[in-house]
Amino acid sequence: MTRAISNEQLEGDQSNIASSKPDQAAAICWRLSQQGEIEILLISSLGSGRWILPKGHLQKRELSFRAAQREALEEAGISGKIRKKPVGYFRYKKDGRIELTVAVHLLKVFSDNEIHPELGQRRKVWVAPQDATLLVDEPELKTILGSLAIQSALTSRDRQALFSSANPKPATPQNIAATAF
């Protein structure tokens, strides 16, 4: 169960959370659908089966963006380009007891591997960002997901490929994956 807070508290808390070392790191894994729409990956938690982002504890001397990248691969078979700077932080209570702080990083998906360490233990679903906000439980995570606009996730090359009328190829995940992040 997470602690509910107001938007005013969240805005002030983001700077307080960011000043301390996170306990865990999470990846907002995103890709473009065949229609050129952003999709976010959610996975089921091992215990309750609720929808979450791939996340986990930082290993000794591990940077949060590397932990987020590792967790995406271990828990969901996702590999891609990770943003080093977190897009936000959220807190939750693990097992209803221990409050943990999670640094959240964007990960542009390059591949979705069929075989990975937690295969068969979790469900995976790709959803629109606005749908992800309805499926996750953590209020601060809902705010982070809700604040992500298509412009923040896409690089200028991504936007050019998607929205340029001069682009002879239709925008597909394969076309966009070839661009730099």
Foldseek 3Di string as FASTA:
>chain_A
DFDDDDPVVLVVVFVVLVVDDFQKEFEQEWFAAQQRAIWTKWKADLPPGATDTQMDGADVPRQRQVRNQVSCCAAFVWHADKDRAFLTKFWGADVNHRIGIYGYIYGYTPDGDCDHNCPPSMDMDIHHLQVVLVRHDGPSVSVSSVPDDPVVNDDPVLCCCAPPPPNPDHDHRVVSRPDDD
